[in-house]
Amino acid sequence: MSAMAKRNYDNWLSGYAEYTKHSESPDLFHFWTGVFTIAGALRRQVWIDQRYFQWTPNFYIVLVGPAGIAAKSTSLRLGTSLLRRVEG
C-alpha cells in the first residue's frame, strides 16, 4: 500500500473554500457546493448504521438567489467539475 499524500488543509471544506475564494459566487454557495461535492464523492459507500436503517450522505441542496447576479451556476460548476474527476 502506498503512503498517503501530505494534507495541505486540516479539512476538505477549508481547502475548497480557499480554492473558490476568488470566484464571484457568495461564500455560502461555495460551502454548500462543497458539502454537495463531498456527498457526491462518498455516494452510498459510506453510511452510519442506525440498527433498522443505514444513514447515507443524501442531501437536497438548493441555491437560491437572483438570476444572473448570484452566480449559482458558477458555484455548482466548480463542484461538479471536481466530481467528474472521481473514479468509480
PDB file of N, CA and C in Angstrom:
ATOM      1  N   MET A   1       0.846  -1.172   0.000  1.00  0.00           N
ATOM      2  CA  MET A   1       0.000   0.000   0.000  1.00  0.00           C
ATOM      3  C   MET A   1       0.897   1.242   0.000  1.00  0.00           C
ATOM      4  N   SER A   2       0.532   2.243  -0.783  1.00  0.00           N
ATOM      5  CA  SER A   2       1.336   3.459  -0.856  1.00  0.00           C
ATOM      6  C   SER A   2       1.002   4.397   0.305  1.00  0.00           C
ATOM      7  N   ALA A   3       1.964   5.239   0.629  1.00  0.00           N
ATOM      8  CA  ALA A   3       1.756   6.220   1.703  1.00  0.00           C
ATOM      9  C   ALA A   3       0.803   7.312   1.229  1.00  0.00           C
ATOM     10  N   MET A   4       0.032   7.842   2.159  1.00  0.00           N
ATOM     11  CA  MET A   4      -0.899   8.921   1.820  1.00  0.00           C
ATOM     12  C   MET A   4      -0.133  10.217   1.606  1.00  0.00           C
ATOM     13  N   ALA A   5      -0.623  11.028   0.699  1.00  0.00           N
ATOM     14  CA  ALA A   5      -0.009  12.326   0.435  1.00  0.00           C
ATOM     15  C   ALA A   5      -0.229  13.255   1.626  1.00  0.00           C
ATOM     16  N   LYS A   6       0.703  14.164   1.833  1.00  0.00           N
ATOM     17  CA  LYS A   6       0.580  15.139   2.911  1.00  0.00           C
ATOM     18  C   LYS A   6      -0.607  16.061   2.628  1.00  0.00           C
ATOM     19  N   ARG A   7      -1.388  16.331   3.650  1.00  0.00           N
ATOM     20  CA  ARG A   7      -2.550  17.204   3.505  1.00  0.00           C
ATOM     21  C   ARG A   7      -2.124  18.661   3.560  1.00  0.00           C
ATOM     22  N   ASN A   8      -2.733  19.476   2.718  1.00  0.00           N
ATOM     23  CA  ASN A   8      -2.463  20.910   2.723  1.00  0.00           C
ATOM     24  C   ASN A   8      -3.405  21.665   3.651  1.00  0.00           C
ATOM     25  N   TYR A   9      -4.552  21.076   3.976  1.00  0.00           N
ATOM     26  CA  TYR A   9      -5.558  21.718   4.828  1.00  0.00           C
ATOM     27  C   TYR A   9      -6.031  20.718   5.872  1.00  0.00           C
ATOM     28  N   ASP A  10      -6.490  21.238   7.017  1.00  0.00           N
ATOM     29  CA  ASP A  10      -6.994  20.361   8.071  1.00  0.00           C
ATOM     30  C   ASP A  10      -8.259  19.633   7.653  1.00  0.00           C
ATOM     31  N   ASN A  11      -9.096  20.287   6.862  1.00  0.00           N
ATOM     32  CA  ASN A  11     -10.292  19.610   6.375  1.00  0.00           C
ATOM     33  C   ASN A  11     -10.567  20.025   4.936  1.00  0.00           C
ATOM     34  N   TRP A  12     -11.304  19.193   4.247  1.00  0.00           N
ATOM     35  CA  TRP A  12     -11.525  19.391   2.820  1.00  0.00           C
ATOM     36  C   TRP A  12     -12.313  20.665   2.531  1.00  0.00           C
ATOM     37  N   LEU A  13     -13.307  20.979   3.355  1.00  0.00           N
ATOM     38  CA  LEU A  13     -14.106  22.185   3.116  1.00  0.00           C
ATOM     39  C   LEU A  13     -13.270  23.461   3.229  1.00  0.00           C
ATOM     40  N   SER A  14     -12.293  23.482   4.127  1.00  0.00           N
ATOM     41  CA  SER A  14     -11.398  24.645   4.213  1.00  0.00           C
ATOM     42  C   SER A  14     -10.586  24.789   2.936  1.00  0.00           C
ATOM     43  N   GLY A  15     -10.100  23.680   2.421  1.00  0.00           N
ATOM     44  CA  GLY A  15      -9.358  23.703   1.165  1.00  0.00           C
ATOM     45  C   GLY A  15     -10.218  24.136  -0.004  1.00  0.00           C
ATOM     46  N   TYR A  16     -11.456  23.665  -0.012  1.00  0.00           N
ATOM     47  CA  TYR A  16     -12.376  24.049  -1.089  1.00  0.00           C
ATOM     48  C   TYR A  16     -12.703  25.541  -1.009  1.00  0.00           C
ATOM     49  N   ALA A  17     -12.863  26.062   0.204  1.00  0.00           N
ATOM     50  CA  ALA A  17     -13.122  27.497   0.383  1.00  0.00           C
ATOM     51  C   ALA A  17     -11.945  28.314  -0.148  1.00  0.00           C
ATOM     52  N   GLU A  18     -10.736  27.845   0.098  1.00  0.00           N
ATOM     53  CA  GLU A  18      -9.545  28.530  -0.418  1.00  0.00           C
ATOM     54  C   GLU A  18      -9.507  28.461  -1.949  1.00  0.00           C
ATOM     55  N   TYR A  19      -9.853  27.302  -2.491  1.00  0.00           N
ATOM     56  CA  TYR A  19      -9.865  27.084  -3.943  1.00  0.00           C
ATOM     57  C   TYR A  19     -10.863  28.007  -4.648  1.00  0.00           C
ATOM     58  N   THR A  20     -11.982  28.305  -3.987  1.00  0.00           N
ATOM     59  CA  THR A  20     -13.053  29.087  -4.617  1.00  0.00           C
ATOM     60  C   THR A  20     -13.106  30.544  -4.167  1.00  0.00           C
ATOM     61  N   LYS A  21     -12.158  30.991  -3.370  1.00  0.00           N
ATOM     62  CA  LYS A  21     -12.262  32.326  -2.767  1.00  0.00           C
ATOM     63  C   LYS A  21     -12.247  33.470  -3.779  1.00  0.00           C
ATOM     64  N   HIS A  22     -11.724  33.256  -4.965  1.00  0.00           N
ATOM     65  CA  HIS A  22     -11.684  34.330  -5.961  1.00  0.00           C
ATOM     66  C   HIS A  22     -12.846  34.258  -6.943  1.00  0.00           C
ATOM     67  N   SER A  23     -13.779  33.358  -6.698  1.00  0.00           N
ATOM     68  CA  SER A  23     -14.959  33.236  -7.553  1.00  0.00           C
ATOM     69  C   SER A  23     -15.966  34.324  -7.184  1.00  0.00           C
ATOM     70  N   GLU A  24     -16.838  34.638  -8.113  1.00  0.00           N
ATOM     71  CA  GLU A  24     -17.835  35.690  -7.864  1.00  0.00           C
ATOM     72  C   GLU A  24     -19.011  35.212  -7.013  1.00  0.00           C
ATOM     73  N   SER A  25     -19.155  33.918  -6.822  1.00  0.00           N
ATOM     74  CA  SER A  25     -20.273  33.380  -6.036  1.00  0.00           C
ATOM     75  C   SER A  25     -20.081  33.658  -4.547  1.00  0.00           C
ATOM     76  N   PRO A  26     -21.176  33.810  -3.793  1.00  0.00           N
ATOM     77  CA  PRO A  26     -21.081  34.017  -2.340  1.00  0.00           C
ATOM     78  C   PRO A  26     -20.445  32.814  -1.638  1.00  0.00           C
ATOM     79  N   ASP A  27     -19.787  33.069  -0.522  1.00  0.00           N
ATOM     80  CA  ASP A  27     -19.127  32.004   0.243  1.00  0.00           C
ATOM     81  C   ASP A  27     -20.096  30.909   0.660  1.00  0.00           C
ATOM     82  N   LEU A  28     -21.335  31.282   1.026  1.00  0.00           N
ATOM     83  CA  LEU A  28     -22.320  30.266   1.423  1.00  0.00           C
ATOM     84  C   LEU A  28     -22.640  29.318   0.276  1.00  0.00           C
ATOM     85  N   PHE A  29     -22.699  29.803  -0.939  1.00  0.00           N
ATOM     86  CA  PHE A  29     -22.926  28.924  -2.092  1.00  0.00           C
ATOM     87  C   PHE A  29     -21.772  27.940  -2.220  1.00  0.00           C
ATOM     88  N   HIS A  30     -20.555  28.420  -2.020  1.00  0.00           N
ATOM     89  CA  HIS A  30     -19.398  27.531  -2.122  1.00  0.00           C
ATOM     90  C   HIS A  30     -19.375  26.512  -0.986  1.00  0.00           C
ATOM     91  N   PHE A  31     -19.774  26.935   0.214  1.00  0.00           N
ATOM     92  CA  PHE A  31     -19.828  25.980   1.327  1.00  0.00           C
ATOM     93  C   PHE A  31     -20.773  24.831   0.989  1.00  0.00           C
ATOM     94  N   TRP A  32     -21.989  25.160   0.552  1.00  0.00           N
ATOM     95  CA  TRP A  32     -22.968  24.115   0.274  1.00  0.00           C
ATOM     96  C   TRP A  32     -22.622  23.318  -0.981  1.00  0.00           C
ATOM     97  N   THR A  33     -21.948  23.939  -1.924  1.00  0.00           N
ATOM     98  CA  THR A  33     -21.458  23.182  -3.074  1.00  0.00           C
ATOM     99  C   THR A  33     -20.368  22.218  -2.621  1.00  0.00           C
ATOM    100  N   GLY A  34     -19.548  22.634  -1.659  1.00  0.00           N
ATOM    101  CA  GLY A  34     -18.543  21.731  -1.089  1.00  0.00           C
ATOM    102  C   GLY A  34     -19.180  20.546  -0.391  1.00  0.00           C
ATOM    103  N   VAL A  35     -20.242  20.780   0.379  1.00  0.00           N
ATOM    104  CA  VAL A  35     -20.971  19.686   1.041  1.00  0.00           C
ATOM    105  C   VAL A  35     -21.551  18.737  -0.011  1.00  0.00           C
ATOM    106  N   PHE A  36     -22.142  19.306  -1.059  1.00  0.00           N
ATOM    107  CA  PHE A  36     -22.702  18.521  -2.159  1.00  0.00           C
ATOM    108  C   PHE A  36     -21.616  17.678  -2.833  1.00  0.00           C
ATOM    109  N   THR A  37     -20.422  18.243  -3.005  1.00  0.00           N
ATOM    110  CA  THR A  37     -19.321  17.542  -3.652  1.00  0.00           C
ATOM    111  C   THR A  37     -18.835  16.377  -2.792  1.00  0.00           C
ATOM    112  N   ILE A  38     -18.724  16.592  -1.490  1.00  0.00           N
ATOM    113  CA  ILE A  38     -18.322  15.505  -0.587  1.00  0.00           C
ATOM    114  C   ILE A  38     -19.347  14.379  -0.633  1.00  0.00           C
ATOM    115  N   ALA A  39     -20.628  14.725  -0.518  1.00  0.00           N
ATOM    116  CA  ALA A  39     -21.689  13.708  -0.545  1.00  0.00           C
ATOM    117  C   ALA A  39     -21.679  12.960  -1.869  1.00  0.00           C
ATOM    118  N   GLY A  40     -21.464  13.663  -2.968  1.00  0.00           N
ATOM    119  CA  GLY A  40     -21.416  13.014  -4.271  1.00  0.00           C
ATOM    120  C   GLY A  40     -20.236  12.071  -4.404  1.00  0.00           C
ATOM    121  N   ALA A  41     -19.096  12.440  -3.838  1.00  0.00           N
ATOM    122  CA  ALA A  41     -17.913  11.581  -3.900  1.00  0.00           C
ATOM    123  C   ALA A  41     -18.088  10.341  -3.021  1.00  0.00           C
ATOM    124  N   LEU A  42     -18.749  10.496  -1.880  1.00  0.00           N
ATOM    125  CA  LEU A  42     -18.960   9.363  -0.971  1.00  0.00           C
ATOM    126  C   LEU A  42     -20.001   8.385  -1.502  1.00  0.00           C
ATOM    127  N   ARG A  43     -20.972   8.913  -2.234  1.00  0.00           N
ATOM    128  CA  ARG A  43     -22.090   8.130  -2.763  1.00  0.00           C
ATOM    129  C   ARG A  43     -22.693   7.267  -1.658  1.00  0.00           C
ATOM    130  N   ARG A  44     -22.985   6.032  -1.958  1.00  0.00           N
ATOM    131  CA  ARG A  44     -23.568   5.132  -0.957  1.00  0.00           C
ATOM    132  C   ARG A  44     -22.513   4.187  -0.388  1.00  0.00           C
ATOM    133  N   GLN A  45     -21.250   4.578  -0.493  1.00  0.00           N
ATOM    134  CA  GLN A  45     -20.157   3.749   0.007  1.00  0.00           C
ATOM    135  C   GLN A  45     -19.876   3.995   1.489  1.00  0.00           C
ATOM    136  N   VAL A  46     -20.420   5.074   2.037  1.00  0.00           N
ATOM    137  CA  VAL A  46     -20.212   5.426   3.437  1.00  0.00           C
ATOM    138  C   VAL A  46     -21.582   5.605   4.075  1.00  0.00           C
ATOM    139  N   TRP A  47     -21.762   5.042   5.255  1.00  0.00           N
ATOM    140  CA  TRP A  47     -23.050   5.166   5.932  1.00  0.00           C
ATOM    141  C   TRP A  47     -22.852   5.022   7.434  1.00  0.00           C
ATOM    142  N   ILE A  48     -23.886   5.385   8.175  1.00  0.00           N
ATOM    143  CA  ILE A  48     -23.932   5.178   9.620  1.00  0.00           C
ATOM    144  C   ILE A  48     -25.045   4.184   9.879  1.00  0.00           C
ATOM    145  N   ASP A  49     -24.701   3.101  10.538  1.00  0.00           N
ATOM    146  CA  ASP A  49     -25.690   2.063  10.824  1.00  0.00           C
ATOM    147  C   ASP A  49     -26.596   2.522  11.968  1.00  0.00           C
ATOM    148  N   GLN A  50     -27.897   2.577  11.716  1.00  0.00           N
ATOM    149  CA  GLN A  50     -28.876   3.031  12.702  1.00  0.00           C
ATOM    150  C   GLN A  50     -29.776   1.887  13.167  1.00  0.00           C
ATOM    151  N   ARG A  51     -29.263   0.703  13.183  1.00  0.00           N
ATOM    152  CA  ARG A  51     -29.933  -0.521  13.600  1.00  0.00           C
ATOM    153  C   ARG A  51     -31.004  -0.965  12.610  1.00  0.00           C
ATOM    154  N   TYR A  52     -32.009  -0.147  12.354  1.00  0.00           N
ATOM    155  CA  TYR A  52     -33.083  -0.525  11.438  1.00  0.00           C
ATOM    156  C   TYR A  52     -32.888   0.043  10.034  1.00  0.00           C
ATOM    157  N   PHE A  53     -31.965   0.947   9.880  1.00  0.00           N
ATOM    158  CA  PHE A  53     -31.684   1.520   8.560  1.00  0.00           C
ATOM    159  C   PHE A  53     -30.252   2.054   8.550  1.00  0.00           C
ATOM    160  N   GLN A  54     -29.775   2.358   7.364  1.00  0.00           N
ATOM    161  CA  GLN A  54     -28.456   2.967   7.214  1.00  0.00           C
ATOM    162  C   GLN A  54     -28.625   4.412   6.753  1.00  0.00           C
ATOM    163  N   TRP A  55     -27.943   5.338   7.439  1.00  0.00           N
ATOM    164  CA  TRP A  55     -27.980   6.746   7.064  1.00  0.00           C
ATOM    165  C   TRP A  55     -26.827   6.996   6.102  1.00  0.00           C
ATOM    166  N   THR A  56     -27.152   7.464   4.906  1.00  0.00           N
ATOM    167  CA  THR A  56     -26.137   7.783   3.905  1.00  0.00           C
ATOM    168  C   THR A  56     -26.144   9.292   3.654  1.00  0.00           C
ATOM    169  N   PRO A  57     -25.031   9.847   3.148  1.00  0.00           N
ATOM    170  CA  PRO A  57     -24.979  11.293   2.899  1.00  0.00           C
ATOM    171  C   PRO A  57     -25.810  11.678   1.679  1.00  0.00           C
ATOM    172  N   ASN A  58     -27.109  11.775   1.877  1.00  0.00           N
ATOM    173  CA  ASN A  58     -28.051  12.096   0.803  1.00  0.00           C
ATOM    174  C   ASN A  58     -28.621  13.484   1.075  1.00  0.00           C
ATOM    175  N   PHE A  59     -28.179  14.463   0.313  1.00  0.00           N
ATOM    176  CA  PHE A  59     -28.584  15.844   0.544  1.00  0.00           C
ATOM    177  C   PHE A  59     -29.361  16.384  -0.649  1.00  0.00           C
ATOM    178  N   TYR A  60     -30.328  17.220  -0.363  1.00  0.00           N
ATOM    179  CA  TYR A  60     -31.020  18.005  -1.389  1.00  0.00           C
ATOM    180  C   TYR A  60     -30.653  19.457  -1.106  1.00  0.00           C
ATOM    181  N   ILE A  61     -29.762  19.997  -1.899  1.00  0.00           N
ATOM    182  CA  ILE A  61     -29.247  21.345  -1.666  1.00  0.00           C
ATOM    183  C   ILE A  61     -29.763  22.256  -2.771  1.00  0.00           C
ATOM    184  N   VAL A  62     -30.380  23.357  -2.369  1.00  0.00           N
ATOM    185  CA  VAL A  62     -30.931  24.320  -3.323  1.00  0.00           C
ATOM    186  C   VAL A  62     -30.239  25.660  -3.084  1.00  0.00           C
ATOM    187  N   LEU A  63     -29.615  26.189  -4.114  1.00  0.00           N
ATOM    188  CA  LEU A  63     -29.006  27.518  -4.034  1.00  0.00           C
ATOM    189  C   LEU A  63     -30.016  28.526  -4.562  1.00  0.00           C
ATOM    190  N   VAL A  64     -30.376  29.497  -3.733  1.00  0.00           N
ATOM    191  CA  VAL A  64     -31.404  30.470  -4.106  1.00  0.00           C
ATOM    192  C   VAL A  64     -30.782  31.859  -4.157  1.00  0.00           C
ATOM    193  N   GLY A  65     -31.028  32.555  -5.247  1.00  0.00           N
ATOM    194  CA  GLY A  65     -30.522  33.912  -5.402  1.00  0.00           C
ATOM    195  C   GLY A  65     -31.026  34.500  -6.703  1.00  0.00           C
ATOM    196  N   PRO A  66     -30.848  35.793  -6.894  1.00  0.00           N
ATOM    197  CA  PRO A  66     -31.320  36.450  -8.113  1.00  0.00           C
ATOM    198  C   PRO A  66     -30.642  35.884  -9.364  1.00  0.00           C
ATOM    199  N   ALA A  67     -31.415  35.732 -10.407  1.00  0.00           N
ATOM    200  CA  ALA A  67     -30.887  35.212 -11.673  1.00  0.00           C
ATOM    201  C   ALA A  67     -29.845  36.162 -12.241  1.00  0.00           C
ATOM    202  N   GLY A  68     -28.719  35.591 -12.678  1.00  0.00           N
ATOM    203  CA  GLY A  68     -27.679  36.381 -13.318  1.00  0.00           C
ATOM    204  C   GLY A  68     -26.820  37.214 -12.390  1.00  0.00           C
ATOM    205  N   ILE A  69     -27.135  37.232 -11.103  1.00  0.00           N
ATOM    206  CA  ILE A  69     -26.374  38.054 -10.157  1.00  0.00           C
ATOM    207  C   ILE A  69     -25.639  37.190  -9.136  1.00  0.00           C
ATOM    208  N   ALA A  70     -26.303  36.166  -8.622  1.00  0.00           N
ATOM    209  CA  ALA A  70     -25.755  35.369  -7.525  1.00  0.00           C
ATOM    210  C   ALA A  70     -24.716  34.345  -7.974  1.00  0.00           C
ATOM    211  N   ALA A  71     -24.613  34.055  -9.261  1.00  0.00           N
ATOM    212  CA  ALA A  71     -23.629  33.107  -9.808  1.00  0.00           C
ATOM    213  C   ALA A  71     -23.802  31.699  -9.239  1.00  0.00           C
ATOM    214  N   LYS A  72     -25.046  31.244  -9.186  1.00  0.00           N
ATOM    215  CA  LYS A  72     -25.333  29.898  -8.696  1.00  0.00           C
ATOM    216  C   LYS A  72     -24.683  28.846  -9.585  1.00  0.00           C
ATOM    217  N   SER A  73     -24.805  29.005 -10.886  1.00  0.00           N
ATOM    218  CA  SER A  73     -24.238  28.037 -11.833  1.00  0.00           C
ATOM    219  C   SER A  73     -22.721  27.982 -11.736  1.00  0.00           C
ATOM    220  N   THR A  74     -22.096  29.116 -11.499  1.00  0.00           N
ATOM    221  CA  THR A  74     -20.636  29.156 -11.363  1.00  0.00           C
ATOM    222  C   THR A  74     -20.191  28.302 -10.190  1.00  0.00           C
ATOM    223  N   SER A  75     -20.866  28.445  -9.070  1.00  0.00           N
ATOM    224  CA  SER A  75     -20.544  27.667  -7.881  1.00  0.00           C
ATOM    225  C   SER A  75     -20.737  26.177  -8.137  1.00  0.00           C
ATOM    226  N   LEU A  76     -21.866  25.812  -8.704  1.00  0.00           N
ATOM    227  CA  LEU A  76     -22.148  24.400  -8.968  1.00  0.00           C
ATOM    228  C   LEU A  76     -21.186  23.806  -9.990  1.00  0.00           C
ATOM    229  N   ARG A  77     -20.791  24.579 -10.976  1.00  0.00           N
ATOM    230  CA  ARG A  77     -19.848  24.086 -11.989  1.00  0.00           C
ATOM    231  C   ARG A  77     -18.502  23.711 -11.369  1.00  0.00           C
ATOM    232  N   LEU A  78     -18.043  24.498 -10.412  1.00  0.00           N
ATOM    233  CA  LEU A  78     -16.774  24.187  -9.748  1.00  0.00           C
ATOM    234  C   LEU A  78     -16.852  22.849  -9.014  1.00  0.00           C
ATOM    235  N   GLY A  79     -17.954  22.614  -8.303  1.00  0.00           N
ATOM    236  CA  GLY A  79     -18.126  21.351  -7.579  1.00  0.00           C
ATOM    237  C   GLY A  79     -18.295  20.161  -8.498  1.00  0.00           C
ATOM    238  N   THR A  80     -19.115  20.307  -9.522  1.00  0.00           N
ATOM    239  CA  THR A  80     -19.343  19.175 -10.428  1.00  0.00           C
ATOM    240  C   THR A  80     -18.099  18.852 -11.245  1.00  0.00           C
ATOM    241  N   SER A  81     -17.268  19.852 -11.546  1.00  0.00           N
ATOM    242  CA  SER A  81     -16.033  19.552 -12.279  1.00  0.00           C
ATOM    243  C   SER A  81     -15.093  18.705 -11.423  1.00  0.00           C
ATOM    244  N   LEU A  82     -15.092  18.919 -10.108  1.00  0.00           N
ATOM    245  CA  LEU A  82     -14.306  18.063  -9.220  1.00  0.00           C
ATOM    246  C   LEU A  82     -14.892  16.658  -9.159  1.00  0.00           C
ATOM    247  N   LEU A  83     -16.210  16.559  -9.074  1.00  0.00           N
ATOM    248  CA  LEU A  83     -16.850  15.242  -9.007  1.00  0.00           C
ATOM    249  C   LEU A  83     -16.589  14.409 -10.254  1.00  0.00           C
ATOM    250  N   ARG A  84     -16.511  15.032 -11.392  1.00  0.00           N
ATOM    251  CA  ARG A  84     -16.264  14.293 -12.636  1.00  0.00           C
ATOM    252  C   ARG A  84     -14.885  13.644 -12.651  1.00  0.00           C
ATOM    253  N   ARG A  85     -13.985  14.122 -11.827  1.00  0.00           N
ATOM    254  CA  ARG A  85     -12.634  13.548 -11.754  1.00  0.00           C
ATOM    255  C   ARG A  85     -12.542  12.356 -10.806  1.00  0.00           C
ATOM    256  N   VAL A  86     -13.597  12.113 -10.024  1.00  0.00           N
ATOM    257  CA  VAL A  86     -13.595  10.999  -9.071  1.00  0.00           C
ATOM    258  C   VAL A  86     -13.804   9.695  -9.838  1.00  0.00           C
ATOM    259  N   GLU A  87     -12.926   8.745  -9.601  1.00  0.00           N
ATOM    260  CA  GLU A  87     -13.051   7.454 -10.277  1.00  0.00           C
ATOM    261  C   GLU A  87     -14.175   6.641  -9.651  1.00  0.00           C
ATOM    262  N   GLY A  88     -14.795   5.818 -10.477  1.00  0.00           N
ATOM    263  CA  GLY A  88     -15.832   4.918  -9.982  1.00  0.00           C
ATOM    264  C   GLY A  88     -17.138   5.403 -10.313  1.00  0.00           C
TER     265      GLY A  88
END
